[in-house]
Amino acid sequence: MAIKENSADLFQRQKLEREKELSQKSKICDLFITALFCVFIFGFAILHILIPDKEKSESENRVLEKFPEFSSESLFSGEYTSNMTKYLSDQFPFRDFFITVKASSENVLLRMENGGIMYGDDTLTARLDSPDTENLSVNLEAVKGFSTALENAGIPTVFAPAGRRVDVCLDDLPLSFGTYSQNELWSEIDRVGNELDCTYLNLRDPLMNKASTGEEVYFRTDHHWNTMGAYYAYSEIWHNLPESVTADVEFRKADSFTRETVTEDFLGTSFSSSGASWITPDKIELFRFEGDDTMPVTVMDTGETHKGLYYREYLDLRDKYSVFLGENHGRVDIGNKDRKTIVIIKDSFAQSVTPFFAADFDVILIDPRYTTGSIFRTVTEISPDAVVILMNADTLTSSAVLRPLMRGVKG
């Protein structure tokens, strides 16, 4: 006799059948995902082997990590695995494509940031929240001792720290990003600067005022100021030099130069880190004056002399900013040594400012990052009419770059 199935039994049986069917579909789905994952992992592993390693990333303008050399010492210290991680990240197949995809997704999700670069209205700004106050303290102490020694030697000195893009172009920052850390940093720089025996010149404020009116004074895709911003820095420094230096030298107004656009395809360091392929490239202008194309520029590190202030060959490369006096070197002498002389203790921000001074002065550039020996002795042997310390605030906080200024100061 057949047992009649009641409604409760029917419901339970149908439920079990549905669960079994769903379980089978789930297993198929899991197998598909697992297979896809394996294809992805092993496929990219094979591509990683087949595709030759790249020495340099053109989009990021940096040298990529090479395959690390194995040793038991590096393995147990953790150095080998750390370097291997960097290598796999740098040499990942189609890396530039995936960086762009990630940047686009961050933008769609309104996070407005990728790779430490904040997105604005067709602008890119490096996010720099917590500067290293220890490095800043070391650098400011070095400036204090160095400038005091120069002033005692009868050489007038101007300390002119430059703002970072995040310090100056406040209207380009996302609304969620405040200005507290920038203001704290500059309060400390101002405090020490105003205690110096030399002339202190805050270059953040005047350029920030220009930027607040909507004027572009920094590149939109790079951390450097553009040529107009460099001109404003030149103007501020020129008007703070002693009269003994500027006497018989006429200040050059902006309209006295012939402005030449040499490229409209400049994509700087911020672009390289952001993956934001939709950003419009910058243009680079040169403020030309008579004789700038014949003025000798001598790299004292190598003895090589270049004819003219502008290295146009860099316009065909990724690093187009180096059109201004080429790459950074320990010491570069500009001019024929028949005019008043200004020594500029510098980082890369001075590259685009120097041509304005070179129009009327012989200029000697000294970069502490590439210099050995006593900078103080070198400067006193030159016996210039003035010394300008022109450093970007990021340089002042990223490392103790100005510590070498104190070599030889105390004998």
Protein backbone atom coordinates (compact mmCIF):
# COMPACT_ATOMS: atom_id res chain seq x y z
CA MET A 1 0.00 0.00 0.00
CA ALA A 2 1.48 3.32 -1.10
CA ILE A 3 1.97 5.97 1.52
CA LYS A 4 0.23 9.16 0.56
CA GLU A 5 2.57 12.21 0.63
CA ASN A 6 1.13 15.05 2.62
CA SER A 7 1.75 18.72 1.91
CA ALA A 8 4.50 19.03 4.51
CA ASP A 9 6.43 16.10 3.07
CA LEU A 10 6.01 17.50 -0.45
CA PHE A 11 7.37 20.87 0.63
CA GLN A 12 10.35 19.24 2.35
CA ARG A 13 11.14 17.04 -0.65
CA GLN A 14 10.97 19.98 -3.09
CA LYS A 15 13.17 22.01 -0.77
CA LEU A 16 15.81 19.28 -0.69
CA GLU A 17 15.72 18.97 -4.48
CA ARG A 18 16.17 22.71 -4.89
CA GLU A 19 19.08 22.69 -2.45
CA LYS A 20 20.69 19.79 -4.32
CA GLU A 21 20.25 21.61 -7.63
CA LEU A 22 21.68 24.81 -6.19
CA SER A 23 24.57 22.86 -4.66
CA GLN A 24 25.41 21.36 -8.05
CA LYS A 25 25.27 24.79 -9.70
CA SER A 26 27.41 26.22 -6.90
CA LYS A 27 30.03 23.51 -7.43
CA ILE A 28 30.08 24.24 -11.14
CA CYS A 29 30.44 27.96 -10.40
CA ASP A 30 33.21 27.26 -7.86
CA LEU A 31 35.02 25.07 -10.37
CA PHE A 32 34.71 27.78 -13.01
CA ILE A 33 36.02 30.48 -10.67
CA THR A 34 38.87 28.21 -9.55
CA ALA A 35 39.76 27.41 -13.16
CA LEU A 36 39.59 31.09 -14.09
CA PHE A 37 41.79 31.95 -11.11
CA CYS A 38 44.32 29.29 -12.12
CA VAL A 39 44.32 30.50 -15.72
CA PHE A 40 44.84 34.05 -14.45
CA ILE A 41 47.66 33.10 -12.06
CA PHE A 42 49.49 30.68 -14.32
CA GLY A 43 48.77 32.73 -17.43
CA PHE A 44 50.33 35.86 -15.96
CA ALA A 45 53.18 33.77 -14.54
CA ILE A 46 53.91 32.52 -18.06
CA LEU A 47 53.61 36.04 -19.47
CA HIS A 48 55.96 37.24 -16.74
CA ILE A 49 58.54 34.72 -17.97
CA LEU A 50 57.99 35.34 -21.69
CA ILE A 51 57.86 39.15 -21.62
CA PRO A 52 61.35 40.67 -21.16
CA ASP A 53 61.87 42.84 -18.09
CA LYS A 54 61.78 46.57 -18.65
CA GLU A 55 64.66 48.71 -17.43
CA LYS A 56 62.62 51.90 -17.13
CA SER A 57 58.99 52.97 -16.92
CA GLU A 58 58.42 55.79 -19.40
CA SER A 59 55.06 56.65 -17.86
CA GLU A 60 56.52 56.90 -14.34
CA ASN A 61 59.93 58.22 -15.47
CA ARG A 62 61.87 55.92 -13.14
CA VAL A 63 64.11 52.88 -13.23
CA LEU A 64 62.24 49.65 -12.51
CA GLU A 65 63.32 46.98 -10.04
CA LYS A 66 65.57 44.23 -11.37
CA PHE A 67 65.43 40.54 -10.43
CA PRO A 68 67.10 40.37 -6.98
CA GLU A 69 70.28 38.40 -6.46
CA PHE A 70 69.79 35.54 -4.03
CA SER A 71 71.93 34.92 -0.98
CA SER A 72 71.23 33.21 2.32
CA GLU A 73 72.06 36.43 4.15
CA SER A 74 69.56 38.49 2.14
CA LEU A 75 66.93 35.75 2.56
CA PHE A 76 67.15 35.59 6.36
CA SER A 77 67.34 39.37 6.70
CA GLY A 78 64.15 39.76 4.68
CA GLU A 79 65.88 41.88 2.05
CA TYR A 80 65.50 39.24 -0.67
CA THR A 81 61.75 38.80 -0.23
CA SER A 82 61.26 42.56 -0.02
CA ASN A 83 63.19 43.12 -3.25
CA MET A 84 61.33 40.24 -4.91
CA THR A 85 58.01 41.86 -4.04
CA LYS A 86 59.20 45.14 -5.57
CA TYR A 87 60.44 43.29 -8.65
CA LEU A 88 57.14 41.45 -9.20
CA SER A 89 55.20 44.69 -8.74
CA ASP A 90 57.39 46.65 -11.16
CA GLN A 91 57.56 43.94 -13.84
CA PHE A 92 53.92 42.82 -13.69
CA PRO A 93 52.57 42.26 -17.25
CA PHE A 94 50.48 45.17 -18.60
CA ARG A 95 51.24 47.12 -15.42
CA ASP A 96 50.52 50.54 -16.92
CA PHE A 97 47.09 49.34 -18.11
CA PHE A 98 46.11 48.08 -14.65
CA ILE A 99 47.36 51.29 -13.01
CA THR A 100 45.09 53.28 -15.31
CA VAL A 101 42.15 50.95 -14.57
CA LYS A 102 42.68 51.40 -10.82
CA ALA A 103 42.94 55.18 -11.19
CA SER A 104 39.72 55.29 -13.22
CA SER A 105 37.87 53.20 -10.64
CA GLU A 106 39.07 55.47 -7.80
CA ASN A 107 37.80 58.45 -9.75
CA VAL A 108 34.40 56.84 -10.43
CA LEU A 109 34.08 56.00 -6.73
CA LEU A 110 34.73 59.69 -5.94
CA ARG A 111 37.79 58.88 -3.82
CA MET A 112 39.69 61.48 -5.91
CA GLU A 113 43.09 59.94 -5.17
CA ASN A 114 45.39 57.21 -6.41
CA GLY A 115 49.03 56.41 -5.71
CA GLY A 116 49.32 59.33 -3.29
CA ILE A 117 48.16 61.80 -5.96
CA MET A 118 44.95 63.80 -5.47
CA TYR A 119 42.69 64.62 -8.40
CA GLY A 120 41.41 68.14 -8.93
CA ASP A 121 39.70 69.81 -11.86
CA ASP A 122 42.21 68.66 -14.52
CA THR A 123 45.01 68.95 -11.94
CA LEU A 124 47.12 66.49 -9.96
CA THR A 125 48.62 67.21 -6.55
CA ALA A 126 50.91 64.99 -4.48
CA ARG A 127 49.40 64.25 -1.08
CA LEU A 128 51.93 65.18 1.61
CA ASP A 129 50.28 65.00 5.03
CA SER A 130 52.93 64.49 7.68
CA PRO A 131 56.31 66.08 6.94
CA ASP A 132 59.34 64.75 8.74
CA THR A 133 59.93 67.40 11.41
CA GLU A 134 63.26 65.84 12.39
CA ASN A 135 64.68 66.40 8.90
CA LEU A 136 63.21 69.89 8.84
CA SER A 137 64.88 70.71 12.16
CA VAL A 138 68.28 69.43 10.93
CA ASN A 139 68.02 71.43 7.70
CA LEU A 140 66.92 74.65 9.36
CA GLU A 141 69.74 74.38 11.90
CA ALA A 142 72.19 73.93 9.02
CA VAL A 143 70.78 77.01 7.28
CA LYS A 144 71.14 78.97 10.51
CA GLY A 145 74.79 78.06 11.03
CA PHE A 146 75.73 78.39 7.35
CA SER A 147 74.04 81.76 6.81
CA THR A 148 75.49 83.20 10.02
CA ALA A 149 78.99 82.17 8.97
CA LEU A 150 78.51 83.71 5.51
CA GLU A 151 77.12 86.94 6.94
CA ASN A 152 80.13 87.11 9.29
CA ALA A 153 82.34 86.65 6.21
CA GLY A 154 80.64 89.63 4.57
CA ILE A 155 78.54 87.61 2.10
CA PRO A 156 74.84 88.55 2.22
CA THR A 157 72.53 85.54 2.22
CA VAL A 158 68.84 85.02 1.40
CA PHE A 159 67.01 81.91 2.59
CA ALA A 160 64.01 81.42 0.27
CA PRO A 161 62.08 78.16 0.84
CA ALA A 162 59.52 77.39 -1.86
CA GLY A 163 56.08 75.92 -1.32
CA ARG A 164 54.97 72.52 -2.52
CA ARG A 165 52.01 72.36 -4.87
CA VAL A 166 49.88 71.14 -1.97
CA ASP A 167 50.91 74.27 -0.02
CA VAL A 168 50.16 76.75 -2.79
CA CYS A 169 47.35 75.56 -5.07
CA LEU A 170 44.71 75.17 -2.37
CA ASP A 171 41.74 75.52 -4.72
CA ASP A 172 42.89 72.38 -6.57
CA LEU A 173 42.65 70.18 -3.48
CA PRO A 174 39.65 67.90 -2.77
CA LEU A 175 37.20 69.40 -0.29
CA SER A 176 37.98 66.60 2.17
CA PHE A 177 41.66 67.57 2.32
CA GLY A 178 42.37 70.32 4.82
CA THR A 179 45.27 72.74 5.17
CA TYR A 180 46.22 72.10 8.82
CA SER A 181 49.44 70.16 8.14
CA GLN A 182 50.61 72.67 5.53
CA ASN A 183 50.01 75.62 7.85
CA GLU A 184 51.77 73.86 10.73
CA LEU A 185 54.80 73.17 8.54
CA TRP A 186 55.06 76.75 7.35
CA SER A 187 54.53 78.15 10.83
CA GLU A 188 57.67 76.28 11.89
CA ILE A 189 59.64 77.38 8.81
CA ASP A 190 58.57 81.00 9.40
CA ARG A 191 59.45 80.82 13.09
CA VAL A 192 63.01 79.68 12.43
CA GLY A 193 63.39 81.83 9.32
CA ASN A 194 62.55 85.00 11.21
CA GLU A 195 65.26 84.18 13.77
CA LEU A 196 68.03 83.92 11.16
CA ASP A 197 70.76 86.51 10.82
CA CYS A 198 70.27 86.51 7.05
CA THR A 199 67.29 87.66 4.96
CA TYR A 200 64.35 85.26 5.21
CA LEU A 201 61.89 85.09 2.32
CA ASN A 202 58.75 82.92 2.43
CA LEU A 203 58.00 82.06 -1.23
CA ARG A 204 54.84 80.15 -0.42
CA ASP A 205 52.68 83.16 0.41
CA PRO A 206 53.17 85.30 -2.72
CA LEU A 207 52.62 82.33 -5.04
CA MET A 208 49.62 81.18 -3.00
CA ASN A 209 48.12 84.65 -3.45
CA LYS A 210 48.63 84.40 -7.22
CA ALA A 211 47.10 80.92 -7.32
CA SER A 212 44.06 82.09 -5.31
CA THR A 213 43.16 84.45 -8.16
CA GLY A 214 43.01 81.53 -10.59
CA GLU A 215 46.44 82.07 -12.13
CA GLU A 216 48.40 78.90 -12.92
CA VAL A 217 51.77 79.17 -11.17
CA TYR A 218 52.53 75.43 -10.88
CA PHE A 219 52.34 72.74 -13.51
CA ARG A 220 49.06 70.84 -13.33
CA THR A 221 50.76 67.42 -13.73
CA ASP A 222 54.05 68.01 -11.94
CA HIS A 223 55.31 69.11 -8.52
CA HIS A 224 57.38 72.04 -9.86
CA TRP A 225 56.20 75.58 -10.40
CA ASN A 226 55.76 76.51 -14.05
CA THR A 227 57.78 79.26 -15.74
CA MET A 228 55.37 81.98 -14.63
CA GLY A 229 55.65 80.75 -11.06
CA ALA A 230 59.44 80.69 -11.43
CA TYR A 231 59.30 84.30 -12.63
CA TYR A 232 57.35 85.34 -9.53
CA ALA A 233 59.95 83.58 -7.36
CA TYR A 234 62.73 85.45 -9.22
CA SER A 235 60.88 88.73 -8.64
CA GLU A 236 60.53 88.13 -4.90
CA ILE A 237 64.18 87.12 -4.49
CA TRP A 238 65.48 89.98 -6.67
CA HIS A 239 63.63 92.56 -4.58
CA ASN A 240 65.06 91.09 -1.37
CA LEU A 241 68.70 91.14 -2.47
CA PRO A 242 70.89 93.90 -0.96
CA GLU A 243 71.10 97.14 -2.92
CA SER A 244 74.82 96.53 -3.29
CA VAL A 245 73.93 93.53 -5.48
CA THR A 246 71.11 95.03 -7.56
CA ALA A 247 72.71 98.46 -8.03
CA ASP A 248 73.20 99.23 -11.74
CA VAL A 249 71.06 96.17 -12.61
CA GLU A 250 67.57 96.85 -13.89
CA PHE A 251 64.81 94.51 -12.74
CA ARG A 252 63.28 92.68 -15.69
CA LYS A 253 59.51 92.83 -15.91
CA ALA A 254 57.69 89.85 -17.37
CA ASP A 255 56.80 91.66 -20.59
CA SER A 256 60.49 92.34 -21.27
CA PHE A 257 60.96 88.65 -22.13
CA THR A 258 59.89 86.90 -25.32
CA ARG A 259 57.71 83.96 -24.31
CA GLU A 260 58.18 80.80 -26.35
CA THR A 261 56.03 77.68 -25.95
CA VAL A 262 58.36 74.74 -26.60
CA THR A 263 55.96 71.88 -25.82
CA GLU A 264 52.31 71.29 -25.00
CA ASP A 265 52.83 67.61 -24.14
CA PHE A 266 54.50 67.76 -20.73
CA LEU A 267 53.31 65.11 -18.27
CA GLY A 268 55.22 65.44 -15.01
CA THR A 269 55.97 63.39 -11.93
CA SER A 270 52.47 63.63 -10.43
CA PHE A 271 50.97 62.27 -13.63
CA SER A 272 53.49 59.44 -13.63
CA SER A 273 52.37 58.27 -10.19
CA SER A 274 48.63 58.83 -10.63
CA GLY A 275 47.60 56.66 -13.58
CA ALA A 276 45.19 59.47 -14.50
CA SER A 277 45.41 59.14 -18.27
CA TRP A 278 42.55 61.60 -18.82
CA ILE A 279 44.49 64.64 -17.51
CA THR A 280 45.39 67.27 -20.12
CA PRO A 281 49.17 67.65 -20.62
CA ASP A 282 50.95 70.83 -19.52
CA LYS A 283 52.78 73.28 -21.73
CA ILE A 284 56.28 74.56 -21.04
CA GLU A 285 57.19 78.14 -21.83
CA LEU A 286 60.63 79.70 -21.99
CA PHE A 287 61.08 83.38 -21.17
CA ARG A 288 63.69 84.29 -23.76
CA PHE A 289 66.17 87.16 -23.71
CA GLU A 290 69.01 88.17 -25.99
CA GLY A 291 72.08 85.98 -25.50
CA ASP A 292 70.39 83.11 -23.66
CA ASP A 293 71.21 80.74 -26.51
CA THR A 294 74.96 81.43 -26.41
CA MET A 295 75.58 81.74 -22.66
CA PRO A 296 78.06 79.08 -21.44
CA VAL A 297 76.80 76.56 -18.89
CA THR A 298 79.66 74.51 -17.41
CA VAL A 299 79.10 71.38 -15.33
CA MET A 300 82.09 71.56 -13.00
CA ASP A 301 81.63 67.90 -12.00
CA THR A 302 82.55 66.80 -15.54
CA GLY A 303 84.08 69.89 -17.15
CA GLU A 304 81.50 69.79 -19.97
CA THR A 305 80.22 73.12 -21.30
CA HIS A 306 76.84 73.59 -22.94
CA LYS A 307 76.05 76.51 -25.23
CA GLY A 308 72.86 78.14 -24.03
CA LEU A 309 70.62 77.95 -20.98
CA TYR A 310 68.08 75.56 -22.46
CA TYR A 311 68.65 71.86 -23.20
CA ARG A 312 66.08 71.36 -25.93
CA GLU A 313 67.00 67.71 -26.45
CA TYR A 314 65.00 66.91 -23.29
CA LEU A 315 61.82 68.05 -25.02
CA ASP A 316 61.90 64.75 -26.91
CA LEU A 317 62.17 62.76 -23.67
CA ARG A 318 59.86 62.07 -20.77
CA ASP A 319 61.79 64.39 -18.43
CA LYS A 320 60.89 67.59 -20.27
CA TYR A 321 61.42 69.77 -17.20
CA SER A 322 65.18 69.27 -17.71
CA VAL A 323 64.95 71.67 -20.65
CA PHE A 324 65.85 74.12 -17.87
CA LEU A 325 69.64 73.72 -17.56
CA GLY A 326 69.62 69.94 -18.00
CA GLU A 327 69.89 67.49 -15.12
CA ASN A 328 70.91 68.22 -11.53
CA HIS A 329 74.65 68.32 -10.78
CA GLY A 330 76.85 69.15 -7.82
CA ARG A 331 78.08 72.45 -9.27
CA VAL A 332 77.19 74.33 -12.43
CA ASP A 333 78.78 77.66 -13.46
CA ILE A 334 76.78 79.96 -15.74
CA GLY A 335 78.14 83.04 -17.51
CA ASN A 336 81.47 84.50 -18.58
CA LYS A 337 82.61 85.53 -15.06
CA ASP A 338 82.55 89.20 -15.98
CA ARG A 339 79.44 90.23 -14.01
CA LYS A 340 78.32 90.25 -10.39
CA THR A 341 78.03 86.72 -9.06
CA ILE A 342 75.21 84.98 -7.22
CA VAL A 343 75.59 81.52 -5.72
CA ILE A 344 72.35 79.53 -5.48
CA ILE A 345 72.23 76.59 -3.07
CA LYS A 346 69.46 74.65 -4.72
CA ASP A 347 67.25 71.73 -5.58
CA SER A 348 65.39 71.24 -8.87
CA PHE A 349 63.03 74.17 -8.22
CA ALA A 350 65.93 76.54 -8.94
CA GLN A 351 66.43 75.12 -12.44
CA SER A 352 63.61 77.20 -13.93
CA VAL A 353 64.38 80.29 -11.81
CA THR A 354 68.07 80.52 -12.65
CA PRO A 355 67.69 81.70 -16.28
CA PHE A 356 66.03 84.91 -15.03
CA PHE A 357 69.06 85.70 -12.84
CA ALA A 358 71.48 84.60 -15.57
CA ALA A 359 70.16 87.44 -17.73
CA ASP A 360 72.07 89.93 -15.52
CA PHE A 361 74.36 87.95 -13.20
CA ASP A 362 76.89 85.18 -13.37
CA VAL A 363 75.29 82.32 -11.45
CA ILE A 364 76.88 79.37 -9.69
CA LEU A 365 74.53 76.54 -8.76
CA ILE A 366 75.48 74.20 -5.91
CA ASP A 367 73.29 71.21 -5.15
CA PRO A 368 74.07 69.68 -1.73
CA ARG A 369 72.55 66.37 -2.83
CA TYR A 370 75.39 65.84 -5.31
CA THR A 371 78.23 67.66 -3.57
CA THR A 372 81.12 66.38 -1.50
CA GLY A 373 83.57 68.50 0.43
CA SER A 374 82.94 71.80 2.18
CA ILE A 375 80.30 73.97 0.49
CA PHE A 376 81.18 76.80 2.87
CA ARG A 377 84.83 76.82 1.77
CA THR A 378 83.78 76.66 -1.88
CA VAL A 379 81.47 79.64 -1.46
CA THR A 380 83.99 81.74 0.44
CA GLU A 381 86.63 80.99 -2.20
CA ILE A 382 84.22 82.19 -4.90
CA SER A 383 83.44 85.27 -2.79
CA PRO A 384 80.10 85.98 -4.51
CA ASP A 385 78.09 89.16 -4.18
CA ALA A 386 75.23 87.17 -2.62
CA VAL A 387 74.11 83.64 -1.77
CA VAL A 388 70.53 82.42 -2.21
CA ILE A 389 69.36 79.19 -0.56
CA LEU A 390 66.41 78.12 -2.70
CA MET A 391 64.84 74.83 -1.62
CA ASN A 392 61.39 73.34 -1.98
CA ALA A 393 59.71 72.53 1.35
CA ASP A 394 59.40 68.87 0.37
CA THR A 395 63.19 68.67 -0.02
CA LEU A 396 63.59 70.24 3.42
CA THR A 397 61.40 67.57 5.03
CA SER A 398 62.20 64.45 3.00
CA SER A 399 65.87 64.18 4.04
CA ALA A 400 68.62 66.02 5.91
CA VAL A 401 69.75 67.43 2.57
CA LEU A 402 71.30 70.63 3.97
CA ARG A 403 73.41 68.98 6.66
CA PRO A 404 76.52 69.24 4.37
CA LEU A 405 76.29 73.05 4.61
CA MET A 406 77.95 72.85 8.01
CA ARG A 407 81.09 71.12 6.72
CA GLY A 408 84.03 73.45 7.23
CA VAL A 409 81.97 76.17 8.92
CA LYS A 410 83.71 75.67 12.27
CA GLY A 411 87.18 75.32 10.81
